[in-house]
Amino acid sequence: MKKSPFPAEDPLYPSSDGQPLAENDWQLHAILDAVAVLDVHFEERPDVYVSGDLLIYYEEGEPRQCVAPDVLVVFGVPRRRRMVYKLWEEGKTPDFVLEVASEDTWRQDEGPKRTLYAELGVREYWLLDPREEYFEAPLRGLTLADGRYRPLPAKVEGGRRVFRSQVLGLDLRLEDGRLCFHDPATGKDLRTLRSAEARIAELQSRLREVDSLR
């Protein structure tokens, strides 16, 4: 039998917890867009791993001790595809975690998950509420200090609150319910596939206009 090039499912540590990726389109697009833009942003870094809704097992031999962050970034591990993330094998806790609030998850995000991520040593924990239904602030960043999370400061630019992620080296803000990542090194926003396609279509339209005037 031909050996599969893909990793096998570990029956003790399954890759699915039976929960849906998202409960609505706002949550879904927030997760997918964040994973996509961060994955592209760090694509030249072989030591940066970006994923989403991936089960993290944090206690060997105890498969119930797991959590699946909506978005996670880990520095210092190989950039490769994984079925699950086992802390005792990887030797590294995620550095950045983002949870997107929904009706069924926001209480966990605010309570038990916040405690767990602090205990695991996640350096930055971010909470996003794209529909502004559950949290007092629709976007918050927390940084780990002395085993506890402290709120990251925000500055106001163009009437919007902007937060700096020291872990990612990026600025984060909400714009019409959409999470935007801004690279201060280039002065540009990181683009989603949809925004990139829209920009390409706009440039193509301008080129056609120029050609028609010649």
N, C-alpha and C. Protein backbone atom coordinates (compact mmCIF):
# COMPACT_ATOMS: atom_id res chain seq x y z
N MET A 1 0.84 -1.20 0.00
CA MET A 1 0.00 0.00 0.00
C MET A 1 0.88 1.25 0.00
N LYS A 2 0.49 2.21 -0.85
CA LYS A 2 1.25 3.44 -0.93
C LYS A 2 1.09 4.26 0.35
N LYS A 3 2.21 4.71 0.87
CA LYS A 3 2.18 5.50 2.10
C LYS A 3 1.68 6.91 1.82
N SER A 4 0.74 7.38 2.63
CA SER A 4 0.18 8.72 2.45
C SER A 4 1.20 9.77 2.87
N PRO A 5 1.31 10.87 2.08
CA PRO A 5 2.23 11.94 2.46
C PRO A 5 1.68 12.82 3.57
N PHE A 6 0.43 12.58 3.95
CA PHE A 6 -0.21 13.41 4.96
C PHE A 6 -0.15 12.74 6.33
N PRO A 7 -0.07 13.55 7.40
CA PRO A 7 -0.02 12.96 8.74
C PRO A 7 -1.30 12.21 9.07
N ALA A 8 -1.16 11.12 9.78
CA ALA A 8 -2.33 10.31 10.15
C ALA A 8 -3.05 10.92 11.34
N GLU A 9 -4.34 10.66 11.40
CA GLU A 9 -5.13 11.09 12.55
C GLU A 9 -4.73 10.28 13.78
N ASP A 10 -4.49 10.96 14.88
CA ASP A 10 -4.18 10.29 16.13
C ASP A 10 -5.50 10.04 16.87
N PRO A 11 -5.91 8.78 17.04
CA PRO A 11 -7.21 8.52 17.67
C PRO A 11 -7.31 9.03 19.10
N LEU A 12 -6.18 9.15 19.78
CA LEU A 12 -6.20 9.66 21.15
C LEU A 12 -6.38 11.17 21.19
N TYR A 13 -5.86 11.84 20.16
CA TYR A 13 -5.94 13.30 20.09
C TYR A 13 -6.60 13.69 18.76
N PRO A 14 -7.92 13.57 18.65
CA PRO A 14 -8.61 13.84 17.38
C PRO A 14 -8.48 15.29 16.95
N SER A 15 -8.65 15.51 15.64
CA SER A 15 -8.49 16.86 15.09
C SER A 15 -9.79 17.66 15.11
N SER A 16 -10.87 17.05 15.53
CA SER A 16 -12.16 17.75 15.60
C SER A 16 -12.77 17.61 16.98
N ASP A 17 -13.37 18.71 17.44
CA ASP A 17 -14.09 18.66 18.71
C ASP A 17 -15.60 18.63 18.50
N GLY A 18 -16.02 18.49 17.23
CA GLY A 18 -17.43 18.42 16.93
C GLY A 18 -18.16 19.74 16.92
N GLN A 19 -17.43 20.84 17.13
CA GLN A 19 -18.03 22.16 17.16
C GLN A 19 -17.86 22.85 15.80
N PRO A 20 -18.84 23.66 15.38
CA PRO A 20 -18.71 24.37 14.11
C PRO A 20 -17.62 25.43 14.17
N LEU A 21 -17.08 25.76 13.00
CA LEU A 21 -16.07 26.81 12.93
C LEU A 21 -16.64 28.14 13.40
N ALA A 22 -17.86 28.45 13.00
CA ALA A 22 -18.46 29.74 13.33
C ALA A 22 -19.97 29.59 13.40
N GLU A 23 -20.61 30.55 14.08
CA GLU A 23 -22.06 30.53 14.23
C GLU A 23 -22.76 31.45 13.23
N ASN A 24 -22.02 32.38 12.64
CA ASN A 24 -22.62 33.31 11.69
C ASN A 24 -21.53 33.84 10.76
N ASP A 25 -21.94 34.58 9.74
CA ASP A 25 -20.99 35.06 8.74
C ASP A 25 -20.01 36.08 9.29
N TRP A 26 -20.44 36.89 10.26
CA TRP A 26 -19.52 37.88 10.84
C TRP A 26 -18.36 37.18 11.54
N GLN A 27 -18.69 36.18 12.32
CA GLN A 27 -17.65 35.42 13.01
C GLN A 27 -16.78 34.66 12.01
N LEU A 28 -17.42 34.03 11.02
CA LEU A 28 -16.69 33.24 10.03
C LEU A 28 -15.68 34.08 9.27
N HIS A 29 -16.14 35.21 8.71
CA HIS A 29 -15.24 36.03 7.90
C HIS A 29 -14.14 36.67 8.75
N ALA A 30 -14.45 37.01 9.99
CA ALA A 30 -13.42 37.57 10.87
C ALA A 30 -12.30 36.56 11.08
N ILE A 31 -12.67 35.30 11.30
CA ILE A 31 -11.66 34.26 11.52
C ILE A 31 -10.87 33.99 10.25
N LEU A 32 -11.57 33.75 9.14
CA LEU A 32 -10.90 33.40 7.89
C LEU A 32 -10.00 34.53 7.39
N ASP A 33 -10.49 35.77 7.48
CA ASP A 33 -9.69 36.91 7.02
C ASP A 33 -8.44 37.08 7.85
N ALA A 34 -8.57 36.95 9.18
CA ALA A 34 -7.40 37.12 10.05
C ALA A 34 -6.35 36.06 9.77
N VAL A 35 -6.78 34.80 9.65
CA VAL A 35 -5.83 33.73 9.36
C VAL A 35 -5.16 33.96 8.01
N ALA A 36 -5.94 34.37 7.01
CA ALA A 36 -5.40 34.55 5.66
C ALA A 36 -4.37 35.67 5.60
N VAL A 37 -4.70 36.83 6.17
CA VAL A 37 -3.78 37.97 6.05
C VAL A 37 -2.51 37.75 6.87
N LEU A 38 -2.64 37.13 8.03
CA LEU A 38 -1.46 36.88 8.85
C LEU A 38 -0.59 35.79 8.24
N ASP A 39 -1.21 34.78 7.64
CA ASP A 39 -0.44 33.72 7.00
C ASP A 39 0.38 34.28 5.84
N VAL A 40 -0.23 35.15 5.04
CA VAL A 40 0.50 35.77 3.93
C VAL A 40 1.58 36.71 4.45
N HIS A 41 1.26 37.46 5.50
CA HIS A 41 2.22 38.42 6.04
C HIS A 41 3.50 37.73 6.50
N PHE A 42 3.36 36.56 7.10
CA PHE A 42 4.53 35.85 7.64
C PHE A 42 5.01 34.71 6.73
N GLU A 43 4.59 34.71 5.46
CA GLU A 43 4.90 33.56 4.60
C GLU A 43 6.39 33.40 4.33
N GLU A 44 7.18 34.45 4.47
CA GLU A 44 8.62 34.34 4.25
C GLU A 44 9.36 33.90 5.51
N ARG A 45 8.62 33.71 6.59
CA ARG A 45 9.22 33.29 7.86
C ARG A 45 8.99 31.80 8.08
N PRO A 46 10.02 30.96 7.91
CA PRO A 46 9.83 29.52 8.11
C PRO A 46 9.63 29.13 9.57
N ASP A 47 9.82 30.09 10.48
CA ASP A 47 9.69 29.81 11.91
C ASP A 47 8.44 30.43 12.52
N VAL A 48 7.46 30.77 11.67
CA VAL A 48 6.21 31.34 12.18
C VAL A 48 5.04 30.50 11.67
N TYR A 49 4.23 30.06 12.59
CA TYR A 49 3.08 29.21 12.26
C TYR A 49 1.79 29.97 12.54
N VAL A 50 0.91 30.03 11.54
CA VAL A 50 -0.38 30.70 11.66
C VAL A 50 -1.48 29.68 11.38
N SER A 51 -2.49 29.65 12.22
CA SER A 51 -3.60 28.73 11.99
C SER A 51 -4.85 29.26 12.68
N GLY A 52 -5.94 28.52 12.50
CA GLY A 52 -7.19 28.90 13.13
C GLY A 52 -8.07 27.70 13.39
N ASP A 53 -8.81 27.75 14.48
CA ASP A 53 -9.72 26.68 14.88
C ASP A 53 -9.00 25.33 14.93
N LEU A 54 -7.77 25.34 15.37
CA LEU A 54 -6.96 24.13 15.49
C LEU A 54 -6.90 23.71 16.95
N LEU A 55 -7.15 22.44 17.21
CA LEU A 55 -7.12 21.96 18.59
C LEU A 55 -5.71 21.96 19.15
N ILE A 56 -5.56 22.61 20.29
CA ILE A 56 -4.30 22.60 21.04
C ILE A 56 -4.48 21.67 22.23
N TYR A 57 -3.68 20.62 22.27
CA TYR A 57 -3.67 19.72 23.43
C TYR A 57 -2.51 20.13 24.33
N TYR A 58 -2.83 20.42 25.58
CA TYR A 58 -1.81 21.00 26.45
C TYR A 58 -1.39 20.11 27.62
N GLU A 59 -1.94 18.89 27.68
CA GLU A 59 -1.53 17.97 28.74
C GLU A 59 -1.45 16.56 28.16
N GLU A 60 -0.26 16.02 28.08
CA GLU A 60 -0.06 14.70 27.49
C GLU A 60 -0.83 13.64 28.28
N GLY A 61 -1.52 12.76 27.53
CA GLY A 61 -2.28 11.70 28.16
C GLY A 61 -3.66 12.11 28.63
N GLU A 62 -4.00 13.40 28.46
CA GLU A 62 -5.31 13.92 28.88
C GLU A 62 -5.97 14.62 27.70
N PRO A 63 -6.56 13.85 26.77
CA PRO A 63 -7.11 14.46 25.56
C PRO A 63 -8.26 15.43 25.79
N ARG A 64 -8.87 15.38 26.96
CA ARG A 64 -9.92 16.36 27.25
C ARG A 64 -9.36 17.74 27.55
N GLN A 65 -8.08 17.80 27.84
CA GLN A 65 -7.44 19.09 28.14
C GLN A 65 -7.00 19.72 26.82
N CYS A 66 -7.94 20.37 26.17
CA CYS A 66 -7.64 20.97 24.86
C CYS A 66 -8.47 22.23 24.67
N VAL A 67 -8.05 23.04 23.72
CA VAL A 67 -8.74 24.28 23.38
C VAL A 67 -8.45 24.58 21.92
N ALA A 68 -9.41 25.19 21.24
CA ALA A 68 -9.25 25.50 19.82
C ALA A 68 -9.43 27.00 19.60
N PRO A 69 -8.34 27.78 19.66
CA PRO A 69 -8.45 29.23 19.42
C PRO A 69 -8.95 29.52 18.01
N ASP A 70 -9.70 30.61 17.87
CA ASP A 70 -10.16 30.99 16.54
C ASP A 70 -8.98 31.33 15.63
N VAL A 71 -8.01 32.06 16.16
CA VAL A 71 -6.80 32.42 15.41
C VAL A 71 -5.61 32.28 16.35
N LEU A 72 -4.52 31.72 15.85
CA LEU A 72 -3.32 31.60 16.67
C LEU A 72 -2.07 31.82 15.82
N VAL A 73 -1.06 32.40 16.45
CA VAL A 73 0.24 32.61 15.80
C VAL A 73 1.32 32.15 16.78
N VAL A 74 2.24 31.35 16.27
CA VAL A 74 3.33 30.83 17.10
C VAL A 74 4.66 31.18 16.43
N PHE A 75 5.55 31.80 17.17
CA PHE A 75 6.89 32.09 16.69
C PHE A 75 7.85 31.02 17.22
N GLY A 76 8.80 30.62 16.37
CA GLY A 76 9.81 29.69 16.83
C GLY A 76 9.49 28.23 16.62
N VAL A 77 8.49 27.93 15.78
CA VAL A 77 8.19 26.54 15.41
C VAL A 77 8.15 26.46 13.89
N PRO A 78 8.35 25.26 13.32
CA PRO A 78 8.35 25.13 11.86
C PRO A 78 7.00 25.52 11.25
N ARG A 79 7.09 26.17 10.11
CA ARG A 79 5.89 26.52 9.35
C ARG A 79 5.49 25.30 8.50
N ARG A 80 4.56 24.53 9.00
CA ARG A 80 4.08 23.35 8.29
C ARG A 80 2.63 23.08 8.70
N ARG A 81 1.97 22.26 7.91
CA ARG A 81 0.58 21.94 8.22
C ARG A 81 0.50 20.87 9.31
N ARG A 82 -0.49 21.05 10.18
CA ARG A 82 -0.65 20.16 11.32
C ARG A 82 -2.10 19.68 11.42
N MET A 83 -2.27 18.49 11.98
CA MET A 83 -3.61 17.99 12.31
C MET A 83 -4.10 18.60 13.62
N VAL A 84 -3.21 18.62 14.60
CA VAL A 84 -3.46 19.22 15.91
C VAL A 84 -2.14 19.82 16.39
N TYR A 85 -2.19 20.52 17.50
CA TYR A 85 -0.99 21.13 18.07
C TYR A 85 -0.82 20.60 19.48
N LYS A 86 0.23 19.80 19.70
CA LYS A 86 0.50 19.21 21.01
C LYS A 86 1.66 19.98 21.66
N LEU A 87 1.36 20.63 22.77
CA LEU A 87 2.36 21.48 23.40
C LEU A 87 3.61 20.72 23.81
N TRP A 88 3.47 19.49 24.28
CA TRP A 88 4.64 18.75 24.74
C TRP A 88 5.54 18.31 23.59
N GLU A 89 5.00 18.26 22.36
CA GLU A 89 5.82 17.94 21.20
C GLU A 89 6.42 19.19 20.57
N GLU A 90 5.63 20.24 20.50
CA GLU A 90 6.09 21.49 19.87
C GLU A 90 7.06 22.24 20.77
N GLY A 91 6.84 22.14 22.08
CA GLY A 91 7.71 22.85 23.01
C GLY A 91 7.50 24.34 23.04
N LYS A 92 6.36 24.81 22.51
CA LYS A 92 6.13 26.26 22.41
C LYS A 92 4.64 26.55 22.48
N THR A 93 4.27 27.46 23.36
CA THR A 93 2.90 27.94 23.47
C THR A 93 2.64 29.00 22.40
N PRO A 94 1.43 29.09 21.86
CA PRO A 94 1.13 30.19 20.95
C PRO A 94 1.47 31.54 21.59
N ASP A 95 1.97 32.45 20.77
CA ASP A 95 2.31 33.79 21.25
C ASP A 95 1.13 34.74 21.15
N PHE A 96 0.27 34.50 20.17
CA PHE A 96 -0.87 35.38 19.88
C PHE A 96 -2.11 34.53 19.69
N VAL A 97 -3.18 34.89 20.38
CA VAL A 97 -4.46 34.21 20.21
C VAL A 97 -5.55 35.27 20.06
N LEU A 98 -6.44 35.04 19.10
CA LEU A 98 -7.60 35.90 18.90
C LEU A 98 -8.85 35.03 18.99
N GLU A 99 -9.81 35.47 19.80
CA GLU A 99 -11.11 34.82 19.86
C GLU A 99 -12.17 35.80 19.37
N VAL A 100 -13.06 35.30 18.51
CA VAL A 100 -14.14 36.10 17.95
C VAL A 100 -15.44 35.72 18.65
N ALA A 101 -16.10 36.69 19.25
CA ALA A 101 -17.25 36.42 20.10
C ALA A 101 -18.47 35.96 19.30
N SER A 102 -19.22 35.06 19.91
CA SER A 102 -20.52 34.64 19.39
C SER A 102 -21.42 34.35 20.58
N GLU A 103 -22.68 34.08 20.32
CA GLU A 103 -23.63 33.85 21.40
C GLU A 103 -23.20 32.69 22.30
N ASP A 104 -22.66 31.65 21.70
CA ASP A 104 -22.31 30.46 22.48
C ASP A 104 -20.91 30.51 23.10
N THR A 105 -20.08 31.45 22.64
CA THR A 105 -18.67 31.40 23.08
C THR A 105 -18.21 32.58 23.92
N TRP A 106 -18.93 33.70 23.90
CA TRP A 106 -18.35 34.92 24.47
C TRP A 106 -18.08 34.80 25.97
N ARG A 107 -18.92 34.07 26.68
CA ARG A 107 -18.68 33.92 28.12
C ARG A 107 -17.41 33.10 28.38
N GLN A 108 -17.19 32.08 27.56
CA GLN A 108 -15.97 31.29 27.67
C GLN A 108 -14.75 32.15 27.31
N ASP A 109 -14.90 32.97 26.27
CA ASP A 109 -13.79 33.82 25.85
C ASP A 109 -13.38 34.78 26.96
N GLU A 110 -14.36 35.32 27.64
CA GLU A 110 -14.11 36.33 28.67
C GLU A 110 -13.65 35.72 29.98
N GLY A 111 -14.05 34.47 30.25
CA GLY A 111 -13.75 33.85 31.53
C GLY A 111 -12.74 32.73 31.48
N PRO A 112 -13.20 31.48 31.31
CA PRO A 112 -12.29 30.32 31.38
C PRO A 112 -11.14 30.35 30.38
N LYS A 113 -11.41 30.79 29.15
CA LYS A 113 -10.32 30.81 28.17
C LYS A 113 -9.27 31.84 28.52
N ARG A 114 -9.71 32.97 29.03
CA ARG A 114 -8.75 34.00 29.45
C ARG A 114 -7.83 33.45 30.54
N THR A 115 -8.41 32.75 31.49
CA THR A 115 -7.61 32.14 32.56
C THR A 115 -6.66 31.08 32.01
N LEU A 116 -7.18 30.23 31.13
CA LEU A 116 -6.37 29.16 30.56
C LEU A 116 -5.20 29.70 29.75
N TYR A 117 -5.47 30.68 28.89
CA TYR A 117 -4.39 31.22 28.06
C TYR A 117 -3.30 31.87 28.91
N ALA A 118 -3.70 32.50 29.99
CA ALA A 118 -2.71 33.08 30.90
C ALA A 118 -1.87 31.98 31.54
N GLU A 119 -2.51 30.90 31.96
CA GLU A 119 -1.79 29.79 32.58
C GLU A 119 -0.84 29.12 31.58
N LEU A 120 -1.24 29.05 30.31
CA LEU A 120 -0.39 28.43 29.29
C LEU A 120 0.76 29.34 28.87
N GLY A 121 0.61 30.65 29.13
CA GLY A 121 1.68 31.59 28.79
C GLY A 121 1.52 32.25 27.45
N VAL A 122 0.29 32.33 26.94
CA VAL A 122 0.04 33.05 25.69
C VAL A 122 0.32 34.53 25.93
N ARG A 123 1.25 35.09 25.16
CA ARG A 123 1.74 36.45 25.44
C ARG A 123 0.70 37.53 25.18
N GLU A 124 -0.09 37.38 24.13
CA GLU A 124 -1.15 38.34 23.84
C GLU A 124 -2.45 37.61 23.55
N TYR A 125 -3.51 38.10 24.18
CA TYR A 125 -4.85 37.54 23.99
C TYR A 125 -5.76 38.66 23.52
N TRP A 126 -6.40 38.44 22.37
CA TRP A 126 -7.25 39.46 21.76
C TRP A 126 -8.69 38.97 21.71
N LEU A 127 -9.60 39.90 21.96
CA LEU A 127 -11.03 39.62 21.95
C LEU A 127 -11.71 40.53 20.94
N LEU A 128 -12.43 39.92 20.00
CA LEU A 128 -13.10 40.67 18.94
C LEU A 128 -14.60 40.38 18.97
N ASP A 129 -15.37 41.45 18.92
CA ASP A 129 -16.84 41.35 18.90
C ASP A 129 -17.33 42.13 17.68
N PRO A 130 -17.30 41.53 16.48
CA PRO A 130 -17.57 42.28 15.26
C PRO A 130 -18.97 42.87 15.18
N ARG A 131 -19.95 42.28 15.85
CA ARG A 131 -21.31 42.81 15.83
C ARG A 131 -21.61 43.69 17.03
N GLU A 132 -20.60 43.87 17.90
CA GLU A 132 -20.73 44.75 19.07
C GLU A 132 -21.94 44.36 19.92
N GLU A 133 -22.06 43.07 20.20
CA GLU A 133 -23.21 42.57 20.96
C GLU A 133 -22.87 42.12 22.37
N TYR A 134 -21.62 41.75 22.61
CA TYR A 134 -21.32 41.01 23.84
C TYR A 134 -20.36 41.71 24.79
N PHE A 135 -19.40 42.44 24.27
CA PHE A 135 -18.40 43.09 25.11
C PHE A 135 -18.60 44.59 25.12
N GLU A 136 -18.13 45.24 26.17
CA GLU A 136 -18.21 46.70 26.24
C GLU A 136 -17.42 47.34 25.11
N ALA A 137 -16.26 46.78 24.80
CA ALA A 137 -15.43 47.27 23.70
C ALA A 137 -15.38 46.19 22.62
N PRO A 138 -15.61 46.54 21.36
CA PRO A 138 -15.64 45.52 20.31
C PRO A 138 -14.28 44.90 19.99
N LEU A 139 -13.20 45.59 20.36
CA LEU A 139 -11.86 45.05 20.16
C LEU A 139 -11.00 45.38 21.37
N ARG A 140 -10.38 44.35 21.91
CA ARG A 140 -9.47 44.55 23.05
C ARG A 140 -8.25 43.66 22.87
N GLY A 141 -7.12 44.19 23.29
CA GLY A 141 -5.90 43.41 23.32
C GLY A 141 -5.39 43.33 24.75
N LEU A 142 -4.95 42.15 25.17
CA LEU A 142 -4.44 41.94 26.52
C LEU A 142 -3.03 41.38 26.43
N THR A 143 -2.15 41.87 27.27
CA THR A 143 -0.77 41.39 27.29
C THR A 143 -0.48 40.73 28.63
N LEU A 144 0.27 39.65 28.60
CA LEU A 144 0.55 38.89 29.81
C LEU A 144 1.69 39.53 30.59
N ALA A 145 1.43 39.82 31.86
CA ALA A 145 2.44 40.41 32.74
C ALA A 145 2.29 39.81 34.13
N ASP A 146 3.35 39.17 34.60
CA ASP A 146 3.34 38.54 35.92
C ASP A 146 2.19 37.54 36.07
N GLY A 147 1.94 36.80 34.99
CA GLY A 147 0.93 35.75 35.04
C GLY A 147 -0.50 36.21 34.89
N ARG A 148 -0.70 37.52 34.65
CA ARG A 148 -2.05 38.05 34.49
C ARG A 148 -2.12 38.92 33.25
N TYR A 149 -3.32 39.00 32.68
CA TYR A 149 -3.50 39.84 31.49
C TYR A 149 -3.81 41.28 31.88
N ARG A 150 -3.10 42.18 31.20
CA ARG A 150 -3.33 43.61 31.37
C ARG A 150 -3.77 44.18 30.03
N PRO A 151 -4.69 45.16 30.03
CA PRO A 151 -5.16 45.72 28.76
C PRO A 151 -4.07 46.50 28.04
N LEU A 152 -4.02 46.32 26.74
CA LEU A 152 -3.09 47.09 25.92
C LEU A 152 -3.69 48.47 25.68
N PRO A 153 -2.86 49.52 25.69
CA PRO A 153 -3.38 50.86 25.46
C PRO A 153 -3.78 51.06 24.00
N ALA A 154 -4.69 51.98 23.80
CA ALA A 154 -5.14 52.32 22.44
C ALA A 154 -4.89 53.79 22.18
N LYS A 155 -4.62 54.11 20.93
CA LYS A 155 -4.55 55.50 20.50
C LYS A 155 -5.68 55.73 19.51
N VAL A 156 -6.09 56.97 19.35
CA VAL A 156 -7.19 57.30 18.45
C VAL A 156 -6.62 57.92 17.19
N GLU A 157 -6.95 57.31 16.06
CA GLU A 157 -6.54 57.81 14.75
C GLU A 157 -7.75 57.83 13.83
N GLY A 158 -8.08 59.01 13.32
CA GLY A 158 -9.23 59.12 12.43
C GLY A 158 -10.53 58.71 13.09
N GLY A 159 -10.62 58.94 14.40
CA GLY A 159 -11.84 58.60 15.12
C GLY A 159 -11.94 57.14 15.50
N ARG A 160 -10.91 56.36 15.22
CA ARG A 160 -10.93 54.93 15.54
C ARG A 160 -9.84 54.58 16.55
N ARG A 161 -10.14 53.61 17.40
CA ARG A 161 -9.17 53.14 18.38
C ARG A 161 -8.22 52.16 17.71
N VAL A 162 -6.93 52.42 17.87
CA VAL A 162 -5.89 51.60 17.24
C VAL A 162 -5.01 51.01 18.33
N PHE A 163 -4.77 49.71 18.25
CA PHE A 163 -3.96 49.00 19.23
C PHE A 163 -2.69 48.47 18.55
N ARG A 164 -1.60 48.49 19.28
CA ARG A 164 -0.35 47.93 18.77
C ARG A 164 -0.12 46.54 19.38
N SER A 165 0.05 45.56 18.51
CA SER A 165 0.45 44.22 18.96
C SER A 165 1.96 44.15 18.90
N GLN A 166 2.59 44.11 20.07
CA GLN A 166 4.04 43.98 20.12
C GLN A 166 4.49 42.61 19.61
N VAL A 167 3.65 41.61 19.80
CA VAL A 167 3.98 40.26 19.35
C VAL A 167 4.03 40.19 17.83
N LEU A 168 3.03 40.75 17.17
CA LEU A 168 2.96 40.69 15.71
C LEU A 168 3.73 41.82 15.04
N GLY A 169 3.97 42.91 15.77
CA GLY A 169 4.57 44.08 15.15
C GLY A 169 3.60 44.79 14.23
N LEU A 170 2.29 44.67 14.52
CA LEU A 170 1.25 45.24 13.68
C LEU A 170 0.27 46.05 14.53
N ASP A 171 -0.42 46.99 13.88
CA ASP A 171 -1.50 47.72 14.52
C ASP A 171 -2.82 47.07 14.15
N LEU A 172 -3.74 47.01 15.12
CA LEU A 172 -5.05 46.43 14.89
C LEU A 172 -6.12 47.47 15.16
N ARG A 173 -7.16 47.48 14.31
CA ARG A 173 -8.28 48.40 14.50
C ARG A 173 -9.53 47.78 13.89
N LEU A 174 -10.67 48.29 14.30
CA LEU A 174 -11.94 47.89 13.71
C LEU A 174 -12.42 48.96 12.76
N GLU A 175 -12.88 48.54 11.60
CA GLU A 175 -13.40 49.48 10.60
C GLU A 175 -14.68 48.90 10.02
N ASP A 176 -15.81 49.50 10.39
CA ASP A 176 -17.12 49.00 9.94
C ASP A 176 -17.30 47.53 10.29
N GLY A 177 -16.88 47.17 11.50
CA GLY A 177 -17.04 45.81 11.97
C GLY A 177 -16.00 44.84 11.46
N ARG A 178 -15.07 45.31 10.68
CA ARG A 178 -14.04 44.44 10.10
C ARG A 178 -12.71 44.69 10.78
N LEU A 179 -12.02 43.62 11.16
CA LEU A 179 -10.71 43.74 11.80
C LEU A 179 -9.66 44.01 10.74
N CYS A 180 -8.91 45.10 10.94
CA CYS A 180 -7.87 45.49 9.99
C CYS A 180 -6.51 45.39 10.67
N PHE A 181 -5.55 44.86 9.94
CA PHE A 181 -4.16 44.78 10.40
C PHE A 181 -3.34 45.77 9.58
N HIS A 182 -2.57 46.60 10.27
CA HIS A 182 -1.78 47.64 9.60
C HIS A 182 -0.31 47.43 9.94
N ASP A 183 0.52 47.46 8.91
CA ASP A 183 1.96 47.29 9.10
C ASP A 183 2.62 48.66 9.22
N PRO A 184 3.05 49.07 10.41
CA PRO A 184 3.68 50.39 10.55
C PRO A 184 4.99 50.51 9.80
N ALA A 185 5.62 49.39 9.48
CA ALA A 185 6.89 49.42 8.75
C ALA A 185 6.69 49.87 7.30
N THR A 186 5.55 49.51 6.72
CA THR A 186 5.27 49.89 5.32
C THR A 186 4.24 51.00 5.23
N GLY A 187 3.52 51.24 6.33
CA GLY A 187 2.46 52.23 6.30
C GLY A 187 1.21 51.77 5.57
N LYS A 188 1.09 50.45 5.35
CA LYS A 188 -0.04 49.92 4.59
C LYS A 188 -0.80 48.87 5.39
N ASP A 189 -2.09 48.75 5.08
CA ASP A 189 -2.89 47.69 5.66
C ASP A 189 -2.56 46.36 4.99
N LEU A 190 -2.66 45.28 5.75
CA LEU A 190 -2.56 43.95 5.16
C LEU A 190 -3.89 43.67 4.46
N ARG A 191 -3.82 43.16 3.26
CA ARG A 191 -5.02 42.98 2.46
C ARG A 191 -5.56 41.56 2.54
N THR A 192 -6.89 41.47 2.62
CA THR A 192 -7.54 40.18 2.45
C THR A 192 -7.59 39.87 0.97
N LEU A 193 -7.91 38.62 0.63
CA LEU A 193 -8.02 38.24 -0.78
C LEU A 193 -9.09 39.07 -1.47
N ARG A 194 -10.21 39.31 -0.79
CA ARG A 194 -11.29 40.07 -1.41
C ARG A 194 -10.88 41.51 -1.66
N SER A 195 -10.19 42.12 -0.69
CA SER A 195 -9.78 43.51 -0.89
C SER A 195 -8.70 43.61 -1.94
N ALA A 196 -7.82 42.61 -2.03
CA ALA A 196 -6.78 42.60 -3.06
C ALA A 196 -7.41 42.47 -4.44
N GLU A 197 -8.41 41.60 -4.57
CA GLU A 197 -9.09 41.44 -5.86
C GLU A 197 -9.82 42.71 -6.25
N ALA A 198 -10.44 43.38 -5.28
CA ALA A 198 -11.13 44.63 -5.57
C ALA A 198 -10.14 45.70 -6.02
N ARG A 199 -8.96 45.74 -5.40
CA ARG A 199 -7.93 46.70 -5.78
C ARG A 199 -7.42 46.41 -7.18
N ILE A 200 -7.22 45.15 -7.51
CA ILE A 200 -6.78 44.78 -8.86
C ILE A 200 -7.82 45.19 -9.90
N ALA A 201 -9.10 44.94 -9.60
CA ALA A 201 -10.17 45.32 -10.52
C ALA A 201 -10.20 46.83 -10.72
N GLU A 202 -9.97 47.58 -9.63
CA GLU A 202 -9.94 49.04 -9.72
C GLU A 202 -8.80 49.51 -10.61
N LEU A 203 -7.61 48.94 -10.42
CA LEU A 203 -6.46 49.32 -11.24
C LEU A 203 -6.66 48.96 -12.70
N GLN A 204 -7.26 47.80 -12.95
CA GLN A 204 -7.53 47.39 -14.33
C GLN A 204 -8.50 48.36 -14.99
N SER A 205 -9.50 48.80 -14.23
CA SER A 205 -10.46 49.76 -14.76
C SER A 205 -9.78 51.08 -15.11
N ARG A 206 -8.87 51.52 -14.25
CA ARG A 206 -8.14 52.76 -14.52
C ARG A 206 -7.26 52.63 -15.76
N LEU A 207 -6.64 51.47 -15.92
CA LEU A 207 -5.80 51.24 -17.10
C LEU A 207 -6.63 51.28 -18.38
N ARG A 208 -7.83 50.72 -18.33
CA ARG A 208 -8.70 50.76 -19.51
C ARG A 208 -9.11 52.19 -19.83
N GLU A 209 -9.35 52.99 -18.79
CA GLU A 209 -9.69 54.39 -19.01
C GLU A 209 -8.54 55.14 -19.66
N VAL A 210 -7.32 54.89 -19.19
CA VAL A 210 -6.14 55.54 -19.77
C VAL A 210 -5.97 55.12 -21.22
N ASP A 211 -6.14 53.82 -21.49
CA ASP A 211 -5.98 53.32 -22.86
C ASP A 211 -7.01 53.94 -23.80
N SER A 212 -8.22 54.17 -23.29
CA SER A 212 -9.28 54.73 -24.14
C SER A 212 -9.01 56.18 -24.50
N LEU A 213 -8.17 56.86 -23.71
CA LEU A 213 -7.86 58.27 -23.98
C LEU A 213 -6.69 58.44 -24.94
N ARG A 214 -6.01 57.35 -25.22
CA ARG A 214 -4.84 57.44 -26.11
C ARG A 214 -5.25 57.52 -27.57
